């Protein structure tokens, strides 16, 4: 598939800022649902201002970090365990953001930052890999200033289930999907600590369609349409799955 065809498949009127970015760039750096669309969906409900210091935790290929720096003028520490910093620095340099985006290699429980350093901490498509631990927020929240913002967006459930998986998703379910939770679950998970106040906890409107559109475009580009994740989203049709979004501030 050529780049122009891919750009057509990835047109989404809900994300006007993302439309300025190459579809090929997004696909080549893709890890899970479209990180650039998710960054835009999170950015629109956070108060990000030029000059703010932002931690992008679990940034993957740093696409979200580059997007946030370009679109909001923030300075971003693009932190990931799986992607090497030199790989992300190459992408940052190509975007001419070397003074604004800083690639960091770190594990989520061993972050090399001072307490109260960041104005905001975000995690796009990654927080559920480490943040379901009841005690993790006590560690993570100390890196943001009092009154500073915390934001996450990632795959999640519409509601909690006594037994997983929901029957219609049995053919597609993987054990680690147990980390997917509903907005209400995440609200309680954070607020029960008393460390933060949740300002927004929602299922991203039409997020499941964004997720499906992304998967179908990637599958067509790879020449293997209708792979398992797209099949799962078709079978579910928003009954159980979507993108969970949460924004809070530190008390």
Protein backbone atom coordinates (compact mmCIF):
# COMPACT_ATOMS: atom_id res chain seq x y z
CA UNK A 1 0.00 0.00 0.00
CA UNK A 2 1.37 3.42 -0.85
CA UNK A 3 1.50 6.26 1.67
CA UNK A 4 -1.35 8.24 0.10
CA UNK A 5 -3.72 5.26 0.36
CA UNK A 6 -2.74 4.76 3.99
CA UNK A 7 -3.40 8.43 4.74
CA UNK A 8 -6.93 8.01 3.33
CA UNK A 9 -7.59 4.97 5.53
CA UNK A 10 -6.45 6.94 8.58
CA UNK A 11 -8.53 10.04 8.06
CA UNK A 12 -10.58 10.65 11.19
CA UNK A 13 -12.47 13.90 11.62
CA UNK A 14 -12.43 13.52 15.41
CA UNK A 15 -8.67 14.17 15.38
CA UNK A 16 -7.95 17.31 13.35
CA UNK A 17 -4.51 17.86 14.88
CA UNK A 18 -3.44 14.31 14.05
CA UNK A 19 -4.38 14.83 10.41
CA UNK A 20 -1.18 16.84 9.97
CA UNK A 21 0.94 13.74 10.67
CA UNK A 22 1.89 11.03 8.20
CA UNK A 23 -0.09 7.81 8.37
CA UNK A 24 3.09 5.91 7.50
CA UNK A 25 4.87 7.54 10.46
CA UNK A 26 2.05 6.49 12.79
CA UNK A 27 1.95 2.91 11.47
CA UNK A 28 5.73 2.45 11.52
CA UNK A 29 5.80 3.52 15.19
CA UNK A 30 2.56 1.81 16.16
CA UNK A 31 2.24 -0.22 19.37
CA UNK A 32 -1.41 -0.88 20.17
CA UNK A 33 -4.23 1.56 19.32
CA UNK A 34 -3.13 4.75 17.53
CA UNK A 35 -0.99 6.64 20.05
CA UNK A 36 -1.32 9.96 18.23
CA UNK A 37 -5.12 9.87 18.22
CA UNK A 38 -5.09 8.87 21.89
CA UNK A 39 -2.70 11.71 22.71
CA UNK A 40 -5.04 14.17 21.01
CA UNK A 41 -8.05 12.73 22.85
CA UNK A 42 -6.22 13.11 26.16
CA UNK A 43 -4.80 16.53 25.36
CA UNK A 44 -8.24 17.95 24.67
CA UNK A 45 -9.34 17.29 28.27
CA UNK A 46 -6.11 18.37 29.99
CA UNK A 47 -4.81 21.90 30.53
CA UNK A 48 -1.47 21.62 28.74
CA UNK A 49 0.37 24.91 28.22
CA UNK A 50 3.66 25.87 26.54
CA UNK A 51 6.70 25.35 28.74
CA UNK A 52 5.13 22.75 31.01
CA UNK A 53 7.28 19.76 31.97
CA UNK A 54 5.45 16.55 31.06
CA UNK A 55 6.31 12.90 31.72
CA UNK A 56 5.08 10.60 28.94
CA UNK A 57 5.22 7.26 30.75
CA UNK A 58 5.42 4.17 28.56
CA UNK A 59 5.78 6.29 25.44
CA UNK A 60 6.72 3.42 23.12
CA UNK A 61 8.15 4.87 19.91
CA UNK A 62 7.69 8.42 21.30
CA UNK A 63 5.02 9.36 18.76
CA UNK A 64 2.80 10.68 21.55
CA UNK A 65 5.72 12.64 23.02
CA UNK A 66 6.49 14.27 19.67
CA UNK A 67 2.81 15.08 19.15
CA UNK A 68 2.39 16.65 22.60
CA UNK A 69 5.55 18.73 22.20
CA UNK A 70 4.57 20.01 18.77
CA UNK A 71 0.90 20.63 19.44
CA UNK A 72 1.01 22.03 22.97
CA UNK A 73 4.54 23.43 23.26
CA UNK A 74 5.32 21.32 26.33
CA UNK A 75 8.70 19.82 27.20
CA UNK A 76 8.42 16.03 27.33
CA UNK A 77 10.44 13.29 29.00
CA UNK A 78 9.65 10.35 26.70
CA UNK A 79 10.10 7.39 29.03
CA UNK A 80 9.93 3.73 28.01
CA UNK A 81 11.36 0.34 28.95
CA UNK A 82 10.92 -1.53 25.68
CA UNK A 83 12.18 0.98 23.11
CA UNK A 84 15.81 2.10 23.25
CA UNK A 85 16.40 5.84 23.76
CA UNK A 86 18.63 6.06 20.69
CA UNK A 87 15.78 4.81 18.52
CA UNK A 88 13.45 7.43 19.95
CA UNK A 89 16.11 10.13 19.69
CA UNK A 90 16.30 9.44 15.95
CA UNK A 91 12.57 10.09 15.63
CA UNK A 92 12.83 13.16 17.85
CA UNK A 93 15.69 14.52 15.74
CA UNK A 94 13.72 13.94 12.55
CA UNK A 95 10.95 16.04 14.09
CA UNK A 96 13.54 18.70 15.06
CA UNK A 97 12.56 18.54 18.71
CA UNK A 98 15.87 17.59 20.35
CA UNK A 99 15.59 20.51 22.81
CA UNK A 100 12.00 19.70 23.69
CA UNK A 101 11.67 15.88 23.86
CA UNK A 102 14.09 13.86 26.01
CA UNK A 103 14.14 10.06 25.48
CA UNK A 104 14.61 8.14 28.74
CA UNK A 105 15.07 4.39 29.33
CA UNK A 106 13.47 3.39 32.63
CA UNK A 107 11.24 0.81 34.27
CA UNK A 108 7.99 2.12 35.75
CA UNK A 109 9.07 1.36 39.33
CA UNK A 110 12.55 2.90 38.98
CA UNK A 111 12.01 6.35 37.49
CA UNK A 112 15.07 8.65 37.52
CA UNK A 113 13.23 11.87 38.35
CA UNK A 114 12.97 14.20 41.32
CA UNK A 115 9.74 14.46 43.27
CA UNK A 116 7.48 17.37 42.23
CA UNK A 117 9.42 17.77 38.97
CA UNK A 118 6.58 17.56 36.44
CA UNK A 119 3.61 19.82 35.80
CA UNK A 120 1.76 16.86 34.30
CA UNK A 121 2.27 13.11 33.90
CA UNK A 122 0.54 11.18 31.13
CA UNK A 123 0.46 7.59 29.98
CA UNK A 124 -0.99 6.68 26.60
CA UNK A 125 -1.80 3.03 26.01
CA UNK A 126 0.52 1.83 28.76
CA UNK A 127 -0.57 2.59 32.35
CA UNK A 128 -2.53 -0.64 32.76
CA UNK A 129 0.72 -2.62 32.39
CA UNK A 130 2.00 -1.34 35.73
CA UNK A 131 -0.64 0.87 37.36
CA UNK A 132 -3.25 -1.66 38.51
CA UNK A 133 -1.21 -2.29 41.68
CA UNK A 134 -3.03 -0.66 44.61
CA UNK A 135 0.20 0.99 45.78
CA UNK A 136 1.64 2.22 42.49
CA UNK A 137 -0.09 5.61 42.46
CA UNK A 138 1.62 6.45 45.74
CA UNK A 139 4.95 6.18 43.96
CA UNK A 140 3.97 7.64 40.60
CA UNK A 141 2.06 10.69 41.83
CA UNK A 142 5.07 12.06 43.72
CA UNK A 143 6.73 13.01 40.43
CA UNK A 144 4.01 15.58 39.66
CA UNK A 145 3.65 18.86 41.53
CA UNK A 146 0.78 19.34 43.97
CA UNK A 147 -2.15 20.47 41.90
CA UNK A 148 -0.49 19.02 38.79
CA UNK A 149 -2.33 16.82 36.35
CA UNK A 150 -2.30 13.07 35.76
CA UNK A 151 -3.83 11.65 32.60
CA UNK A 152 -4.17 8.18 31.12
CA UNK A 153 -5.89 6.68 28.10
CA UNK A 154 -5.79 3.00 27.12
CA UNK A 155 -7.88 -0.04 26.19
CA UNK A 156 -10.56 -0.77 28.76
CA UNK A 157 -13.93 -2.27 29.55
CA UNK A 158 -17.27 -0.51 29.50
CA UNK A 159 -18.11 -2.13 32.86
CA UNK A 160 -16.59 -4.68 35.23
CA UNK A 161 -17.50 -8.37 34.99
CA UNK A 162 -17.68 -10.96 37.75
CA UNK A 163 -16.17 -13.48 35.35
CA UNK A 164 -13.85 -12.81 32.44
CA UNK A 165 -13.98 -12.96 29.53
CA UNK A 166 -17.47 -11.92 28.45
CA UNK A 167 -18.90 -14.93 26.58
CA UNK A 168 -18.85 -13.30 23.15
CA UNK A 169 -15.12 -12.54 23.51
CA UNK A 170 -13.97 -16.02 24.54
CA UNK A 171 -12.39 -16.81 21.13
CA UNK A 172 -10.23 -13.69 21.26
CA UNK A 173 -9.39 -13.21 24.94
CA UNK A 174 -5.78 -13.21 26.15
CA UNK A 175 -4.96 -13.57 29.82
CA UNK A 176 -3.33 -10.13 30.13
CA UNK A 177 -6.57 -8.43 29.07
CA UNK A 178 -7.48 -8.82 32.76
CA UNK A 179 -5.69 -5.47 33.22
CA UNK A 180 -8.38 -3.72 31.15
CA UNK A 181 -10.83 -1.90 33.41
CA UNK A 182 -13.78 0.46 33.26
CA UNK A 183 -13.68 4.22 33.91
CA UNK A 184 -15.54 3.66 37.20
CA UNK A 185 -12.95 1.09 38.31
CA UNK A 186 -10.09 3.47 37.57
CA UNK A 187 -11.81 6.36 39.36
CA UNK A 188 -12.17 4.30 42.52
CA UNK A 189 -8.67 2.82 42.14
CA UNK A 190 -7.14 6.29 42.18
CA UNK A 191 -9.45 8.17 44.54
CA UNK A 192 -9.40 5.52 47.28
CA UNK A 193 -5.77 6.51 47.92
CA UNK A 194 -6.70 10.10 48.82
CA UNK A 195 -3.67 11.23 46.82
CA UNK A 196 -5.56 12.58 43.81
CA UNK A 197 -8.97 13.90 42.82
CA UNK A 198 -10.35 12.53 39.57
CA UNK A 199 -11.71 15.29 37.32
CA UNK A 200 -12.79 13.05 34.43
CA UNK A 201 -13.30 9.30 34.02
CA UNK A 202 -15.00 8.27 30.81
CA UNK A 203 -15.14 5.88 27.92
CA UNK A 204 -13.77 7.85 24.98
CA UNK A 205 -16.77 8.58 22.70
CA UNK A 206 -16.53 6.24 19.68
CA UNK A 207 -13.14 5.08 20.93
CA UNK A 208 -13.85 1.50 19.91
CA UNK A 209 -14.43 2.70 16.34
CA UNK A 210 -11.11 4.55 16.37
CA UNK A 211 -9.43 1.40 17.63
CA UNK A 212 -11.10 -0.67 14.90
CA UNK A 213 -10.31 1.84 12.14
CA UNK A 214 -6.67 1.81 13.19
CA UNK A 215 -6.47 -1.98 13.21
CA UNK A 216 -8.16 -2.32 9.86
CA UNK A 217 -5.82 0.23 8.27
CA UNK A 218 -2.75 -1.51 9.71
CA UNK A 219 -4.03 -4.91 8.60
CA UNK A 220 -4.70 -3.72 5.06
CA UNK A 221 -1.28 -2.10 4.90
CA UNK A 222 0.30 -5.39 5.99
CA UNK A 223 -1.73 -7.29 3.37
CA UNK A 224 -3.45 -9.44 5.99
CA UNK A 225 -6.89 -7.90 6.55
CA UNK A 226 -9.29 -8.89 9.33
CA UNK A 227 -6.70 -10.16 11.77
CA UNK A 228 -7.70 -11.28 15.25
CA UNK A 229 -7.87 -7.92 17.03
CA UNK A 230 -10.11 -6.43 14.33
CA UNK A 231 -12.28 -9.55 14.49
CA UNK A 232 -12.58 -9.08 18.26
CA UNK A 233 -13.68 -5.47 17.91
CA UNK A 234 -16.22 -6.36 15.23
CA UNK A 235 -17.62 -9.17 17.40
CA UNK A 236 -17.86 -6.86 20.40
CA UNK A 237 -19.33 -3.81 18.61
CA UNK A 238 -18.92 -1.60 21.72
CA UNK A 239 -20.68 -4.03 24.08
CA UNK A 240 -17.67 -4.41 26.35
CA UNK A 241 -14.57 -2.77 24.87
CA UNK A 242 -13.40 0.76 24.26
CA UNK A 243 -10.78 3.28 25.27
CA UNK A 244 -10.79 4.37 28.92
CA UNK A 245 -9.73 7.95 29.69
CA UNK A 246 -8.92 9.40 33.12
CA UNK A 247 -7.72 12.84 34.23
CA UNK A 248 -6.94 13.81 37.83
CA UNK A 249 -4.94 16.32 39.83
CA UNK A 250 -2.64 15.67 42.77
CA UNK A 251 -4.02 16.72 46.13
